[in-house]
């Protein structure tokens, strides 16, 4: 799989390409049809937590974990700009952290204005596995705080605005991933941008992200 462009987190179904490796994310608590494309991550997204059944999808998640069908738990996390009560989001996230710990899987974390709360739960649960904050679009200071604690950052389409150059530049290559998430852009565009910003070759970037993938998901 060396020299591939790795899209670590996407909600788009893409046709196979020889130089592209996409990790599809399945939102188990949504009402969408659940298509299990390999490779796959799966979790309960905070946006789709229902008041009448906040843990909808959790049994399916555990079943997938038992069958070794998924690479990571997530995306899961806490989002402070949605109407779902924070305590409910925390409970749902905590359950998924425990499952990730039990089945020795990394976490793909969705975090909006809740970095303290997310880190508190990871610490409380003594989660020692790998954690990726996906779609990171915050400032350099927060990036450095998370990186110092050993977390990985995955950057998406927002880097193309240039607004996150400082945070992106501060991220060591060995703690970096790239993703398309729900955008329709080509992951190669993000690779080209990062390589130019960091003044490295595309091959070096592809090799390093590949190594990161092996370390986190291997």
Protein backbone atom coordinates (compact mmCIF):
# COMPACT_ATOMS: atom_id res chain seq x y z
CA UNK A 1 0.00 0.00 0.00
CA UNK A 2 3.03 2.28 -0.06
CA UNK A 3 2.84 5.40 -2.22
CA UNK A 4 -0.96 5.50 -2.05
CA UNK A 5 -2.95 8.62 -1.33
CA UNK A 6 -4.75 7.79 1.91
CA UNK A 7 -8.07 9.48 2.66
CA UNK A 8 -8.45 8.64 6.32
CA UNK A 9 -12.09 9.73 6.68
CA UNK A 10 -14.76 10.06 4.02
CA UNK A 11 -18.53 9.80 3.75
CA UNK A 12 -18.33 9.57 -0.04
CA UNK A 13 -18.53 6.28 -1.91
CA UNK A 14 -15.73 6.46 -4.47
CA UNK A 15 -14.90 4.02 -7.26
CA UNK A 16 -11.61 2.15 -6.74
CA UNK A 17 -8.47 3.81 -8.07
CA UNK A 18 -5.02 2.25 -8.19
CA UNK A 19 -3.28 5.00 -6.21
CA UNK A 20 -6.09 5.85 -3.77
CA UNK A 21 -7.02 4.27 -0.42
CA UNK A 22 -10.20 5.60 1.21
CA UNK A 23 -11.52 4.77 4.67
CA UNK A 24 -15.30 5.02 4.59
CA UNK A 25 -17.13 6.20 7.73
CA UNK A 26 -20.48 4.71 8.64
CA UNK A 27 -22.79 6.65 10.97
CA UNK A 28 -24.59 3.88 12.82
CA UNK A 29 -27.19 6.05 14.58
CA UNK A 30 -28.44 7.80 11.45
CA UNK A 31 -31.42 6.69 9.39
CA UNK A 32 -29.34 6.23 6.26
CA UNK A 33 -28.88 2.86 4.65
CA UNK A 34 -25.87 1.20 6.22
CA UNK A 35 -23.49 0.12 3.51
CA UNK A 36 -20.40 -1.59 4.81
CA UNK A 37 -17.60 -0.74 2.44
CA UNK A 38 -14.18 -2.01 3.45
CA UNK A 39 -12.05 -0.46 4.87
CA UNK A 40 -14.50 0.99 7.35
CA UNK A 41 -14.82 2.99 10.55
CA UNK A 42 -18.13 3.23 12.38
CA UNK A 43 -19.63 5.03 15.32
CA UNK A 44 -22.48 7.03 16.81
CA UNK A 45 -22.26 10.62 15.57
CA UNK A 46 -23.34 13.32 18.06
CA UNK A 47 -25.51 15.01 15.40
CA UNK A 48 -27.72 11.94 15.15
CA UNK A 49 -28.28 11.21 18.83
CA UNK A 50 -32.04 10.80 19.26
CA UNK A 51 -33.75 11.86 22.50
CA UNK A 52 -35.94 8.75 22.54
CA UNK A 53 -33.03 6.36 21.94
CA UNK A 54 -29.63 8.04 22.49
CA UNK A 55 -27.74 4.74 22.22
CA UNK A 56 -29.30 3.71 18.92
CA UNK A 57 -26.62 1.88 16.89
CA UNK A 58 -24.51 0.85 19.87
CA UNK A 59 -25.38 -2.88 19.67
CA UNK A 60 -24.48 -2.84 15.96
CA UNK A 61 -21.18 -1.14 16.77
CA UNK A 62 -20.31 -3.85 19.28
CA UNK A 63 -21.28 -6.53 16.79
CA UNK A 64 -18.96 -5.01 14.17
CA UNK A 65 -16.17 -4.84 16.73
CA UNK A 66 -16.66 -8.46 17.73
CA UNK A 67 -16.49 -9.49 14.08
CA UNK A 68 -13.38 -7.34 13.48
CA UNK A 69 -15.26 -5.55 10.70
CA UNK A 70 -14.06 -2.03 11.48
CA UNK A 71 -10.71 -0.28 11.72
CA UNK A 72 -11.70 2.32 14.32
CA UNK A 73 -14.57 3.58 16.47
CA UNK A 74 -16.01 6.85 15.23
CA UNK A 75 -16.60 9.34 14.27
CA UNK A 76 -17.82 9.97 17.76
CA UNK A 77 -17.46 12.85 20.17
CA UNK A 78 -19.05 16.03 21.49
CA UNK A 79 -20.43 19.05 19.63
CA UNK A 80 -21.48 22.13 21.58
CA UNK A 81 -23.30 23.89 18.75
CA UNK A 82 -26.07 21.31 18.37
CA UNK A 83 -29.23 21.04 20.52
CA UNK A 84 -28.46 17.57 21.91
CA UNK A 85 -27.77 17.99 25.66
CA UNK A 86 -24.06 17.87 26.47
CA UNK A 87 -24.55 15.27 29.21
CA UNK A 88 -26.25 12.93 26.74
CA UNK A 89 -23.45 13.43 24.21
CA UNK A 90 -20.88 12.73 26.91
CA UNK A 91 -22.61 9.50 27.90
CA UNK A 92 -22.78 8.28 24.30
CA UNK A 93 -19.15 9.22 23.67
CA UNK A 94 -18.01 7.56 26.89
CA UNK A 95 -19.70 4.29 25.91
CA UNK A 96 -17.82 4.32 22.60
CA UNK A 97 -14.50 5.09 24.27
CA UNK A 98 -15.02 2.08 26.50
CA UNK A 99 -15.74 -0.13 23.48
CA UNK A 100 -12.67 1.18 21.67
CA UNK A 101 -10.61 0.39 24.74
CA UNK A 102 -12.13 -3.08 25.14
CA UNK A 103 -11.53 -4.03 21.51
CA UNK A 104 -8.19 -2.18 21.19
CA UNK A 105 -9.36 0.13 18.40
CA UNK A 106 -8.35 3.73 17.72
CA UNK A 107 -10.86 6.58 17.91
CA UNK A 108 -11.96 9.01 15.19
CA UNK A 109 -13.13 12.03 17.17
CA UNK A 110 -15.63 14.70 16.19
CA UNK A 111 -15.08 17.70 18.46
CA UNK A 112 -16.68 21.13 18.24
CA UNK A 113 -15.91 23.60 21.06
CA UNK A 114 -15.58 20.67 23.46
CA UNK A 115 -11.89 19.83 23.53
CA UNK A 116 -11.70 19.97 27.34
CA UNK A 117 -14.70 17.66 27.73
CA UNK A 118 -13.41 15.17 25.17
CA UNK A 119 -9.96 15.03 26.73
CA UNK A 120 -11.46 14.69 30.21
CA UNK A 121 -13.39 11.58 29.17
CA UNK A 122 -10.35 10.07 27.45
CA UNK A 123 -8.37 10.63 30.64
CA UNK A 124 -11.15 9.41 32.92
CA UNK A 125 -11.46 6.21 30.90
CA UNK A 126 -7.66 5.84 30.81
CA UNK A 127 -7.84 5.42 27.06
CA UNK A 128 -4.31 4.67 25.91
CA UNK A 129 -5.13 3.89 22.29
CA UNK A 130 -4.58 6.18 19.33
CA UNK A 131 -6.97 9.10 18.88
CA UNK A 132 -7.46 11.18 15.72
CA UNK A 133 -9.20 14.54 15.92
CA UNK A 134 -10.79 14.61 12.49
CA UNK A 135 -11.56 17.72 10.45
CA UNK A 136 -9.24 19.83 12.61
CA UNK A 137 -9.68 23.51 11.78
CA UNK A 138 -8.61 25.33 14.92
CA UNK A 139 -5.63 27.53 15.77
CA UNK A 140 -1.96 26.70 16.18
CA UNK A 141 -2.11 26.91 19.98
CA UNK A 142 -4.80 24.24 20.29
CA UNK A 143 -3.07 22.12 17.66
CA UNK A 144 0.15 22.19 19.65
CA UNK A 145 -1.64 21.31 22.90
CA UNK A 146 -3.23 18.24 21.33
CA UNK A 147 -0.07 17.20 19.49
CA UNK A 148 1.96 17.46 22.68
CA UNK A 149 -0.38 14.90 24.27
CA UNK A 150 0.24 12.48 21.43
CA UNK A 151 -3.03 12.90 19.55
CA UNK A 152 -3.22 12.85 15.76
CA UNK A 153 -4.79 15.63 13.71
CA UNK A 154 -6.60 15.03 10.43
CA UNK A 155 -7.04 18.05 8.17
CA UNK A 156 -9.71 18.44 5.52
CA UNK A 157 -10.94 20.82 2.85
CA UNK A 158 -10.79 23.88 5.12
CA UNK A 159 -6.99 24.02 4.77
CA UNK A 160 -7.43 25.21 1.20
CA UNK A 161 -8.63 28.59 2.54
CA UNK A 162 -5.15 29.21 3.93
CA UNK A 163 -6.61 30.09 7.33
CA UNK A 164 -5.08 27.06 9.04
CA UNK A 165 -1.57 27.26 7.63
CA UNK A 166 0.01 27.91 11.05
CA UNK A 167 -1.73 24.96 12.69
CA UNK A 168 -0.92 22.73 9.74
CA UNK A 169 2.70 23.85 9.68
CA UNK A 170 3.04 23.10 13.39
CA UNK A 171 1.79 19.52 13.00
CA UNK A 172 4.66 17.03 12.76
CA UNK A 173 4.35 14.75 9.75
CA UNK A 174 4.20 11.71 11.99
CA UNK A 175 1.00 12.98 13.67
CA UNK A 176 -0.77 14.05 10.49
CA UNK A 177 -3.61 12.67 8.40
CA UNK A 178 -5.67 14.11 5.54
CA UNK A 179 -9.34 13.55 4.75
CA UNK A 180 -12.18 14.59 2.46
CA UNK A 181 -14.97 14.00 5.03
CA UNK A 182 -18.23 14.94 3.27
CA UNK A 183 -16.58 17.16 0.63
CA UNK A 184 -16.46 16.09 -3.00
CA UNK A 185 -12.90 17.30 -3.59
CA UNK A 186 -10.01 15.02 -4.58
CA UNK A 187 -7.72 14.04 -1.68
CA UNK A 188 -4.76 14.62 -4.02
CA UNK A 189 -5.54 18.34 -3.86
CA UNK A 190 -4.98 18.32 -0.11
CA UNK A 191 -1.76 16.35 -0.44
CA UNK A 192 -0.43 18.85 -2.97
CA UNK A 193 -1.30 21.77 -0.70
CA UNK A 194 0.35 20.23 2.36
CA UNK A 195 3.49 19.20 0.47
CA UNK A 196 3.90 22.74 -0.84
CA UNK A 197 3.25 24.31 2.57
CA UNK A 198 5.73 22.02 4.32
CA UNK A 199 8.21 22.24 1.45
CA UNK A 200 8.50 18.50 1.01
CA UNK A 201 7.90 16.17 -1.91
CA UNK A 202 4.60 14.43 -2.50
CA UNK A 203 6.36 11.09 -2.14
CA UNK A 204 7.67 11.98 1.32
CA UNK A 205 4.22 13.08 2.43
CA UNK A 206 2.55 9.97 1.03
CA UNK A 207 5.13 7.71 2.64
CA UNK A 208 4.77 9.37 6.03
CA UNK A 209 0.97 9.30 6.04
CA UNK A 210 1.16 5.64 5.00
CA UNK A 211 3.46 4.95 7.95
CA UNK A 212 1.04 6.79 10.24
CA UNK A 213 -1.79 4.64 8.94
CA UNK A 214 0.15 1.45 9.66
CA UNK A 215 1.01 2.62 13.17
CA UNK A 216 -2.53 3.66 14.10
CA UNK A 217 -4.56 0.99 12.33
CA UNK A 218 -2.08 -1.82 11.82
